[in-house]
């Protein structure tokens, strides 16, 4: 039985201060090749945090999840370490183990507290130091070396299991190098709010419904609920509310969520919350943490195209190459692809120039770089202006911050006039200002006449 490669979002949507501190610690732990144990109730986000740590660590391999409870004792060794052909009845072919497949990656043991003692004993042989780890496949004579990192998750306190004789003490101390305790959702009121908004928007999009507002009474019910199933329960509650909501309803009420609160939860933080405090939390902003070490915004990873989808693009690729003089780098930018992806498509499609020779040329300037007025460019930059520019990247926009500030000052902080000076349409200019987070010294934008559109500016000759 093969365990799946974990494929879940690594972006963490949090607003709770305690969770933000946990994420800060996780970023530090990720840099060191030592085991990490994630403690917390079921559904608190341990899998997402494991994926987050794996991506921040920069490991090239995959994150492979192993659920000990789903593997029978008779298959433990074969699944973990692999086996050789003919090593036992039915072993008609050899098979790599999960630990071998995780080379240069991370192994995530989900709910390690459910691991049987025989399972623990076999794992103990492998977990020693920071790696690489050595083990021998079933029926093999030579050791296999695999450099993987271990992350474990548990919803039960492992120290108590050690005291009860249900968890090996040696394994416990080898695994518990770094430890993170995730609080339950009921203690994270801010996260209840931001996660509800996120999953409500996502579910409405998935179900093909217009986004709903949530009434103040419904918010009080959501933050005052105990959430025994934590985030997983929140997701299912939202999905049920959206699915059962009739057309024409604009606002979700408490009855749409169908929460049955227990009577012994008077001490929940959400129940004690007063309306002014709730309003303040509802107006607060969300914190989004990605696995990018620089904390900059990161584009979501796109699903790879299938061979059939790539083959259908062959004619378009040839036309783009012909238009760009068979220059690979320039064509890649023209198509909005990075160089590696473009080169992979070219290999798959087996495209070559008519004479068999690829041309070389300078990378084209982007629309943003080409649009900046000569007044704000140096002489060397003016020489680089070329046609066929592509869309600007965030890094290129940020690099032009000084020119934007100078142009705004020269135009008395009038946005419309500055956009016209920089030869940008007003909407694009506003988009760049938002990215650059530029505001006037006094916080007030000056008014000016809005520039005419391209269609009104161009008059027939």
Protein backbone atom coordinates (compact mmCIF):
# COMPACT_ATOMS: atom_id res chain seq x y z
CA UNK A 1 0.00 0.00 0.00
CA UNK A 2 1.57 3.26 -1.15
CA UNK A 3 1.23 6.46 0.85
CA UNK A 4 0.46 9.56 -1.20
CA UNK A 5 2.83 12.42 -1.73
CA UNK A 6 1.31 15.20 0.33
CA UNK A 7 -0.30 17.78 -1.93
CA UNK A 8 -1.90 20.51 0.18
CA UNK A 9 -1.57 24.30 0.17
CA UNK A 10 1.49 25.52 2.05
CA UNK A 11 0.14 29.06 2.38
CA UNK A 12 -1.02 29.60 5.94
CA UNK A 13 -3.87 32.04 6.55
CA UNK A 14 -3.55 33.18 10.14
CA UNK A 15 -4.22 36.24 12.27
CA UNK A 16 -3.77 34.82 15.77
CA UNK A 17 -0.60 36.07 17.49
CA UNK A 18 0.21 32.68 19.01
CA UNK A 19 -0.01 31.02 15.60
CA UNK A 20 2.17 33.73 14.06
CA UNK A 21 4.84 33.01 16.67
CA UNK A 22 4.59 29.28 15.91
CA UNK A 23 5.12 29.98 12.21
CA UNK A 24 8.15 32.15 13.02
CA UNK A 25 9.65 29.29 15.02
CA UNK A 26 8.81 26.81 12.25
CA UNK A 27 10.77 28.95 9.76
CA UNK A 28 13.82 28.77 12.03
CA UNK A 29 13.49 25.02 12.61
CA UNK A 30 13.15 24.41 8.87
CA UNK A 31 16.73 25.53 8.28
CA UNK A 32 18.19 22.68 10.35
CA UNK A 33 18.06 19.03 9.36
CA UNK A 34 16.58 17.72 12.59
CA UNK A 35 13.25 16.01 13.39
CA UNK A 36 10.23 18.17 14.23
CA UNK A 37 7.19 17.05 16.26
CA UNK A 38 3.90 18.89 15.74
CA UNK A 39 1.45 18.52 18.62
CA UNK A 40 -2.20 19.48 18.49
CA UNK A 41 -5.77 18.29 18.24
CA UNK A 42 -7.05 16.69 15.05
CA UNK A 43 -7.69 19.30 12.36
CA UNK A 44 -5.59 22.13 13.79
CA UNK A 45 -3.40 22.41 10.67
CA UNK A 46 -0.49 20.08 11.40
CA UNK A 47 -0.34 18.80 7.81
CA UNK A 48 -0.28 22.33 6.39
CA UNK A 49 2.50 23.32 8.80
CA UNK A 50 4.49 20.20 7.83
CA UNK A 51 4.24 21.18 4.16
CA UNK A 52 5.24 24.72 5.09
CA UNK A 53 8.39 23.52 6.93
CA UNK A 54 9.31 21.23 4.04
CA UNK A 55 9.11 24.04 1.46
CA UNK A 56 10.97 26.57 3.61
CA UNK A 57 13.76 24.00 4.14
CA UNK A 58 14.49 24.14 0.40
CA UNK A 59 14.72 20.36 0.04
CA UNK A 60 14.58 19.20 -3.56
CA UNK A 61 12.74 15.93 -2.88
CA UNK A 62 9.04 15.36 -2.18
CA UNK A 63 7.13 15.42 1.07
CA UNK A 64 5.82 11.87 1.56
CA UNK A 65 3.09 11.25 4.13
CA UNK A 66 2.95 7.98 6.04
CA UNK A 67 0.00 7.08 8.25
CA UNK A 68 1.23 4.28 10.57
CA UNK A 69 -2.32 3.19 11.42
CA UNK A 70 -2.99 2.31 7.77
CA UNK A 71 -0.06 -0.11 7.39
CA UNK A 72 -0.37 -3.66 8.70
CA UNK A 73 2.50 -5.03 10.76
CA UNK A 74 3.29 -7.67 8.14
CA UNK A 75 3.96 -4.98 5.53
CA UNK A 76 5.83 -2.45 7.67
CA UNK A 77 9.33 -3.38 6.52
CA UNK A 78 8.37 -3.73 2.88
CA UNK A 79 6.58 -0.38 2.81
CA UNK A 80 9.26 1.55 4.68
CA UNK A 81 12.45 -0.07 3.42
CA UNK A 82 11.35 -1.73 0.17
CA UNK A 83 12.07 -5.32 -0.87
CA UNK A 84 14.09 -7.27 -3.40
CA UNK A 85 12.63 -9.52 -6.05
CA UNK A 86 11.82 -12.97 -4.64
CA UNK A 87 12.37 -11.89 -1.01
CA UNK A 88 8.99 -13.35 -0.02
CA UNK A 89 5.98 -15.03 -1.60
CA UNK A 90 4.39 -12.72 -4.14
CA UNK A 91 7.44 -10.47 -4.49
CA UNK A 92 7.67 -10.92 -8.25
CA UNK A 93 9.41 -7.58 -8.69
CA UNK A 94 11.55 -5.42 -6.48
CA UNK A 95 10.11 -2.26 -4.96
CA UNK A 96 11.62 0.86 -3.45
CA UNK A 97 10.50 1.72 0.07
CA UNK A 98 8.93 5.00 1.10
CA UNK A 99 12.08 6.06 2.93
CA UNK A 100 14.10 5.51 -0.24
CA UNK A 101 11.59 7.51 -2.31
CA UNK A 102 11.92 10.37 0.19
CA UNK A 103 15.63 10.87 -0.57
CA UNK A 104 16.46 14.61 -0.51
CA UNK A 105 12.92 15.23 0.76
CA UNK A 106 10.85 14.93 3.91
CA UNK A 107 8.95 12.05 5.53
CA UNK A 108 5.82 13.09 7.40
CA UNK A 109 4.56 10.55 9.95
CA UNK A 110 0.94 11.53 10.55
CA UNK A 111 -0.44 10.60 13.99
CA UNK A 112 2.74 8.87 15.09
CA UNK A 113 1.07 8.01 18.42
CA UNK A 114 -0.85 5.28 16.55
CA UNK A 115 2.41 3.56 15.60
CA UNK A 116 2.70 0.05 17.05
CA UNK A 117 5.74 -0.94 19.13
CA UNK A 118 7.10 -3.27 16.38
CA UNK A 119 6.75 -0.35 13.94
CA UNK A 120 8.60 1.92 16.38
CA UNK A 121 11.39 -0.61 16.85
CA UNK A 122 11.99 -0.83 13.09
CA UNK A 123 11.97 2.96 12.74
CA UNK A 124 14.39 3.32 15.66
CA UNK A 125 17.04 1.49 13.62
CA UNK A 126 16.89 4.23 10.99
CA UNK A 127 16.42 7.42 13.01
CA UNK A 128 19.84 8.27 14.32
CA UNK A 129 21.37 11.73 13.96
CA UNK A 130 20.63 14.18 11.20
CA UNK A 131 21.21 11.78 8.31
CA UNK A 132 21.78 10.48 5.81
CA UNK A 133 19.85 7.48 7.07
CA UNK A 134 20.77 3.87 6.30
CA UNK A 135 18.55 0.80 6.06
CA UNK A 136 18.41 -2.54 4.30
CA UNK A 137 15.51 -3.59 2.01
CA UNK A 138 13.75 -6.85 2.79
CA UNK A 139 15.82 -9.65 1.24
CA UNK A 140 18.69 -7.31 0.43
CA UNK A 141 22.31 -7.59 1.48
CA UNK A 142 23.46 -4.01 0.89
CA UNK A 143 22.36 -0.92 2.78
CA UNK A 144 20.44 1.88 1.08
CA UNK A 145 21.35 5.47 1.94
CA UNK A 146 18.58 8.08 1.93
CA UNK A 147 18.94 11.68 3.07
CA UNK A 148 15.46 12.62 4.31
CA UNK A 149 14.13 14.84 7.07
CA UNK A 150 11.50 13.60 9.55
CA UNK A 151 8.42 15.53 10.67
CA UNK A 152 5.92 13.86 13.00
CA UNK A 153 2.42 14.83 14.08
CA UNK A 154 0.44 13.64 17.07
CA UNK A 155 -2.87 14.50 18.71
CA UNK A 156 -1.89 12.67 21.90
CA UNK A 157 0.92 13.63 24.34
CA UNK A 158 3.84 11.32 23.53
CA UNK A 159 5.45 11.75 26.97
CA UNK A 160 2.40 10.18 28.60
CA UNK A 161 2.54 7.29 26.14
CA UNK A 162 6.21 6.77 27.04
CA UNK A 163 5.29 6.60 30.73
CA UNK A 164 2.55 4.09 29.89
CA UNK A 165 4.98 1.93 27.92
CA UNK A 166 3.16 2.53 24.62
CA UNK A 167 5.92 4.53 22.98
CA UNK A 168 9.65 3.74 22.98
CA UNK A 169 11.62 6.17 25.11
CA UNK A 170 14.67 6.10 22.79
CA UNK A 171 12.54 6.93 19.77
CA UNK A 172 10.76 9.71 21.65
CA UNK A 173 13.99 11.52 22.53
CA UNK A 174 15.44 11.08 19.04
CA UNK A 175 12.36 12.59 17.44
CA UNK A 176 11.67 15.41 19.87
CA UNK A 177 14.46 17.76 18.84
CA UNK A 178 12.13 20.59 17.79
CA UNK A 179 8.55 20.73 19.06
CA UNK A 180 5.62 22.95 18.12
CA UNK A 181 2.25 22.95 19.90
CA UNK A 182 -0.67 24.10 17.75
CA UNK A 183 -3.56 25.60 19.77
CA UNK A 184 -7.14 24.46 19.02
CA UNK A 185 -9.29 26.63 16.78
CA UNK A 186 -11.65 27.62 19.63
CA UNK A 187 -8.74 29.52 21.22
CA UNK A 188 -7.90 31.31 17.97
CA UNK A 189 -10.85 33.68 17.46
CA UNK A 190 -8.98 35.76 14.87
CA UNK A 191 -8.30 32.62 12.83
CA UNK A 192 -11.95 31.57 12.98
CA UNK A 193 -12.81 34.86 11.29
CA UNK A 194 -10.15 34.86 8.57
CA UNK A 195 -10.51 31.15 7.80
CA UNK A 196 -14.30 31.46 7.58
CA UNK A 197 -13.96 34.29 5.07
CA UNK A 198 -11.35 32.39 3.05
CA UNK A 199 -13.24 29.10 2.85
CA UNK A 200 -16.60 30.82 2.30
CA UNK A 201 -15.21 32.62 -0.75
CA UNK A 202 -13.52 29.45 -1.99
CA UNK A 203 -16.64 27.29 -1.49
CA UNK A 204 -18.94 29.80 -3.21
CA UNK A 205 -16.59 29.82 -6.19
CA UNK A 206 -16.48 26.02 -6.24
CA UNK A 207 -20.28 25.65 -5.97
CA UNK A 208 -20.94 28.39 -8.53
CA UNK A 209 -22.74 30.72 -6.10
CA UNK A 210 -22.37 34.42 -5.45
CA UNK A 211 -20.41 35.25 -2.26
CA UNK A 212 -22.55 35.62 0.88
CA UNK A 213 -22.21 38.10 3.71
CA UNK A 214 -22.36 36.82 7.30
CA UNK A 215 -24.66 38.45 9.83
CA UNK A 216 -23.31 39.72 13.16
CA UNK A 217 -25.40 37.07 14.96
CA UNK A 218 -23.83 34.33 12.81
CA UNK A 219 -20.35 35.64 13.57
CA UNK A 220 -21.14 35.49 17.30
CA UNK A 221 -22.23 31.88 16.90
CA UNK A 222 -19.10 30.96 14.93
CA UNK A 223 -16.57 32.48 17.34
CA UNK A 224 -18.48 31.13 20.35
CA UNK A 225 -18.58 27.53 19.09
CA UNK A 226 -16.18 24.97 20.58
CA UNK A 227 -15.07 23.46 17.21
CA UNK A 228 -14.17 19.96 18.41
CA UNK A 229 -13.14 19.10 14.84
CA UNK A 230 -11.18 22.35 14.48
CA UNK A 231 -10.42 23.60 10.92
CA UNK A 232 -11.68 20.43 9.25
CA UNK A 233 -15.05 20.86 10.92
CA UNK A 234 -15.12 24.55 9.97
CA UNK A 235 -14.61 23.64 6.30
CA UNK A 236 -17.46 21.10 6.32
CA UNK A 237 -19.80 23.47 8.18
CA UNK A 238 -19.20 26.20 5.60
CA UNK A 239 -19.67 23.77 2.70
CA UNK A 240 -23.00 22.58 4.12
CA UNK A 241 -24.20 26.15 4.72
CA UNK A 242 -23.38 27.23 1.16
CA UNK A 243 -24.91 24.09 -0.38
CA UNK A 244 -28.20 24.37 1.55
CA UNK A 245 -28.57 28.14 1.21
CA UNK A 246 -31.45 29.08 -1.09
CA UNK A 247 -31.00 31.34 -4.11
CA UNK A 248 -31.62 34.98 -3.34
CA UNK A 249 -30.21 34.83 0.20
CA UNK A 250 -27.67 37.61 0.69
CA UNK A 251 -26.63 37.03 4.28
CA UNK A 252 -25.93 33.84 6.22
CA UNK A 253 -27.70 33.52 9.57
CA UNK A 254 -26.82 31.28 12.55
CA UNK A 255 -29.37 28.68 11.43
CA UNK A 256 -27.54 28.20 8.13
CA UNK A 257 -24.49 26.84 9.93
CA UNK A 258 -26.44 24.49 12.21
CA UNK A 259 -24.01 24.60 15.13
CA UNK A 260 -25.08 22.60 18.18
CA UNK A 261 -23.14 24.03 21.10
CA UNK A 262 -22.51 21.97 24.22
CA UNK A 263 -23.53 23.33 27.61
CA UNK A 264 -20.17 22.89 29.36
CA UNK A 265 -18.24 25.51 27.39
CA UNK A 266 -18.92 28.72 29.30
CA UNK A 267 -15.21 29.50 29.48
CA UNK A 268 -14.62 29.67 25.73
CA UNK A 269 -12.95 32.97 24.67
CA UNK A 270 -15.53 33.49 21.92
CA UNK A 271 -18.48 33.29 24.33
CA UNK A 272 -17.01 36.03 26.54
CA UNK A 273 -16.40 38.28 23.52
CA UNK A 274 -18.44 41.49 23.53
CA UNK A 275 -19.86 43.09 20.39
CA UNK A 276 -17.37 46.02 20.23
CA UNK A 277 -14.50 43.54 20.52
CA UNK A 278 -16.03 41.34 17.81
CA UNK A 279 -16.44 44.35 15.49
CA UNK A 280 -12.78 45.24 15.97
CA UNK A 281 -11.72 41.69 15.08
CA UNK A 282 -13.96 41.63 12.01
CA UNK A 283 -12.31 44.81 10.80
CA UNK A 284 -8.79 43.46 11.34
CA UNK A 285 -6.67 42.35 8.39
CA UNK A 286 -5.60 38.82 7.58
CA UNK A 287 -2.02 37.63 7.79
CA UNK A 288 -0.94 35.35 4.95
CA UNK A 289 2.31 33.44 5.44
CA UNK A 290 3.91 31.64 2.51
CA UNK A 291 6.82 29.25 2.39
CA UNK A 292 8.98 31.89 0.68
CA UNK A 293 11.90 32.65 2.99
CA UNK A 294 11.89 36.30 1.96
CA UNK A 295 8.24 36.71 3.01
CA UNK A 296 7.49 38.21 -0.39
CA UNK A 297 4.34 37.31 -2.22
CA UNK A 298 4.55 34.06 -4.08
CA UNK A 299 2.49 32.97 -7.05
CA UNK A 300 0.53 29.76 -6.47
CA UNK A 301 2.09 26.71 -8.04
CA UNK A 302 0.30 25.87 -11.26
CA UNK A 303 -0.64 22.35 -12.21
CA UNK A 304 1.62 20.87 -14.88
CA UNK A 305 0.11 20.57 -18.34
CA UNK A 306 -0.53 17.11 -19.71
CA UNK A 307 1.26 15.82 -22.83
CA UNK A 308 -1.96 16.27 -24.80
CA UNK A 309 -2.29 19.91 -23.70
CA UNK A 310 1.34 20.65 -24.58
CA UNK A 311 1.05 19.01 -28.01
CA UNK A 312 -1.95 21.22 -28.82
CA UNK A 313 0.28 24.28 -28.36
CA UNK A 314 2.85 23.30 -31.01
CA UNK A 315 1.57 25.62 -33.77
CA UNK A 316 1.38 28.55 -31.34
CA UNK A 317 4.96 27.93 -30.20
CA UNK A 318 6.25 27.82 -33.78
CA UNK A 319 4.47 31.09 -34.63
CA UNK A 320 5.88 32.76 -31.51
CA UNK A 321 9.40 31.56 -32.34
CA UNK A 322 9.14 32.83 -35.91
CA UNK A 323 7.88 36.20 -34.66
CA UNK A 324 10.82 36.48 -32.24
CA UNK A 325 13.49 35.40 -34.72
CA UNK A 326 13.93 31.91 -33.21
CA UNK A 327 15.36 33.39 -30.00
CA UNK A 328 14.41 31.05 -27.18
CA UNK A 329 14.81 33.43 -24.25
CA UNK A 330 12.91 36.21 -25.96
CA UNK A 331 10.12 33.85 -27.06
CA UNK A 332 9.79 32.48 -23.52
CA UNK A 333 9.24 36.01 -22.21
CA UNK A 334 6.85 36.74 -25.06
CA UNK A 335 4.74 33.71 -24.06
CA UNK A 336 4.94 34.53 -20.34
CA UNK A 337 6.88 31.35 -19.48
CA UNK A 338 10.06 30.92 -17.50
CA UNK A 339 13.10 29.65 -19.39
CA UNK A 340 13.07 26.16 -17.84
CA UNK A 341 9.39 25.52 -18.62
CA UNK A 342 9.76 26.82 -22.16
CA UNK A 343 12.82 24.63 -22.81
CA UNK A 344 10.92 21.59 -21.50
CA UNK A 345 8.02 22.25 -23.86
CA UNK A 346 10.43 22.67 -26.79
CA UNK A 347 12.03 19.29 -26.03
CA UNK A 348 8.66 17.58 -25.76
CA UNK A 349 7.39 19.15 -29.00
CA UNK A 350 10.74 18.45 -30.75
CA UNK A 351 10.83 21.94 -32.29
CA UNK A 352 14.03 23.07 -34.02
CA UNK A 353 14.80 26.09 -36.26
CA UNK A 354 14.59 25.52 -40.04
CA UNK A 355 18.40 25.75 -40.33
CA UNK A 356 18.98 23.94 -37.04
CA UNK A 357 20.54 27.00 -35.35
CA UNK A 358 18.98 28.88 -32.43
CA UNK A 359 19.50 32.64 -32.49
CA UNK A 360 20.81 34.66 -29.60
CA UNK A 361 19.67 38.13 -28.63
CA UNK A 362 19.21 40.48 -25.66
CA UNK A 363 16.26 39.94 -23.37
CA UNK A 364 13.37 42.27 -24.28
CA UNK A 365 12.42 45.10 -22.03
CA UNK A 366 9.12 44.75 -20.23
CA UNK A 367 6.09 46.95 -20.86
CA UNK A 368 6.78 48.67 -17.58
CA UNK A 369 10.44 49.34 -18.34
CA UNK A 370 9.69 50.52 -21.89
CA UNK A 371 6.88 52.83 -20.77
CA UNK A 372 8.92 54.95 -18.37
CA UNK A 373 9.57 58.36 -19.88
CA UNK A 374 13.00 59.29 -21.22
CA UNK A 375 13.04 62.06 -18.64
CA UNK A 376 13.50 59.47 -15.88
CA UNK A 377 15.89 57.09 -17.68
CA UNK A 378 19.66 57.22 -17.86
CA UNK A 379 21.43 57.26 -21.23
CA UNK A 380 22.30 53.58 -20.91
CA UNK A 381 18.67 52.72 -20.22
CA UNK A 382 17.50 54.65 -23.30
CA UNK A 383 19.71 52.46 -25.51
CA UNK A 384 18.02 49.35 -24.17
CA UNK A 385 14.53 50.30 -25.39
CA UNK A 386 13.14 47.68 -27.75
CA UNK A 387 9.78 46.70 -29.17
CA UNK A 388 7.90 43.53 -28.26
CA UNK A 389 8.10 44.13 -24.50
CA UNK A 390 6.47 41.74 -22.07
CA UNK A 391 4.57 42.19 -18.81
CA UNK A 392 6.52 43.51 -15.84
CA UNK A 393 7.46 41.29 -12.91
CA UNK A 394 7.06 42.38 -9.30
CA UNK A 395 10.84 42.68 -8.93
CA UNK A 396 11.04 45.01 -11.94
CA UNK A 397 8.22 47.17 -10.59
CA UNK A 398 9.90 47.49 -7.18
CA UNK A 399 13.20 48.39 -8.87
CA UNK A 400 11.52 51.45 -10.44
CA UNK A 401 10.24 52.87 -7.14
CA UNK A 402 12.68 55.79 -7.18
CA UNK A 403 11.55 56.86 -10.66
CA UNK A 404 7.91 56.76 -9.59
CA UNK A 405 8.62 58.96 -6.56
CA UNK A 406 10.53 61.45 -8.69
CA UNK A 407 7.76 61.56 -11.31
CA UNK A 408 5.08 62.07 -8.64
CA UNK A 409 7.04 64.91 -7.05
CA UNK A 410 7.55 66.57 -10.44
CA UNK A 411 3.80 66.34 -11.07
CA UNK A 412 2.74 67.65 -7.63
CA UNK A 413 1.46 64.20 -6.54
CA UNK A 414 -1.33 64.24 -9.14
CA UNK A 415 -1.83 60.62 -10.15
CA UNK A 416 -3.49 61.20 -13.52
CA UNK A 417 -0.82 63.66 -14.64
CA UNK A 418 1.99 61.37 -13.45
CA UNK A 419 0.51 58.36 -15.26
CA UNK A 420 0.43 60.40 -18.49
CA UNK A 421 4.03 61.53 -17.97
CA UNK A 422 5.17 57.91 -17.47
CA UNK A 423 3.16 56.82 -20.53
CA UNK A 424 1.11 54.36 -18.50
CA UNK A 425 -2.65 54.02 -18.58
CA UNK A 426 -4.29 55.14 -15.36
CA UNK A 427 -5.40 51.68 -14.26
CA UNK A 428 -1.92 50.21 -14.68
CA UNK A 429 -0.39 53.18 -12.86
CA UNK A 430 -2.75 52.67 -9.89
CA UNK A 431 -1.84 48.98 -9.81
CA UNK A 432 1.89 49.80 -9.61
CA UNK A 433 1.32 52.42 -6.90
CA UNK A 434 -0.51 49.81 -4.85
CA UNK A 435 2.38 47.35 -5.21
CA UNK A 436 4.97 50.00 -4.35
CA UNK A 437 2.88 51.22 -1.38
CA UNK A 438 3.56 54.86 -2.28
CA UNK A 439 1.58 57.59 -0.51
CA UNK A 440 2.00 61.40 -0.50
CA UNK A 441 3.95 62.94 2.42
CA UNK A 442 0.75 64.46 3.80
CA UNK A 443 -1.32 61.38 2.98
CA UNK A 444 -3.52 63.25 0.48
CA UNK A 445 -3.45 62.76 -3.28
CA UNK A 446 -3.87 65.95 -5.34
CA UNK A 447 -6.66 66.16 -7.88
CA UNK A 448 -6.09 66.69 -11.57
CA UNK A 449 -7.75 66.20 -14.91
CA UNK A 450 -8.00 62.55 -15.85
CA UNK A 451 -6.07 61.82 -19.08
CA UNK A 452 -7.99 60.88 -22.19
CA UNK A 453 -8.12 57.23 -23.21
CA UNK A 454 -6.10 55.91 -26.14
CA UNK A 455 -9.16 55.93 -28.37
CA UNK A 456 -9.90 59.62 -27.67
CA UNK A 457 -6.28 60.71 -27.95
CA UNK A 458 -5.82 59.23 -31.40
CA UNK A 459 -7.58 61.24 -34.08
CA UNK A 460 -7.76 60.32 -37.75
CA UNK A 461 -5.26 62.08 -39.93
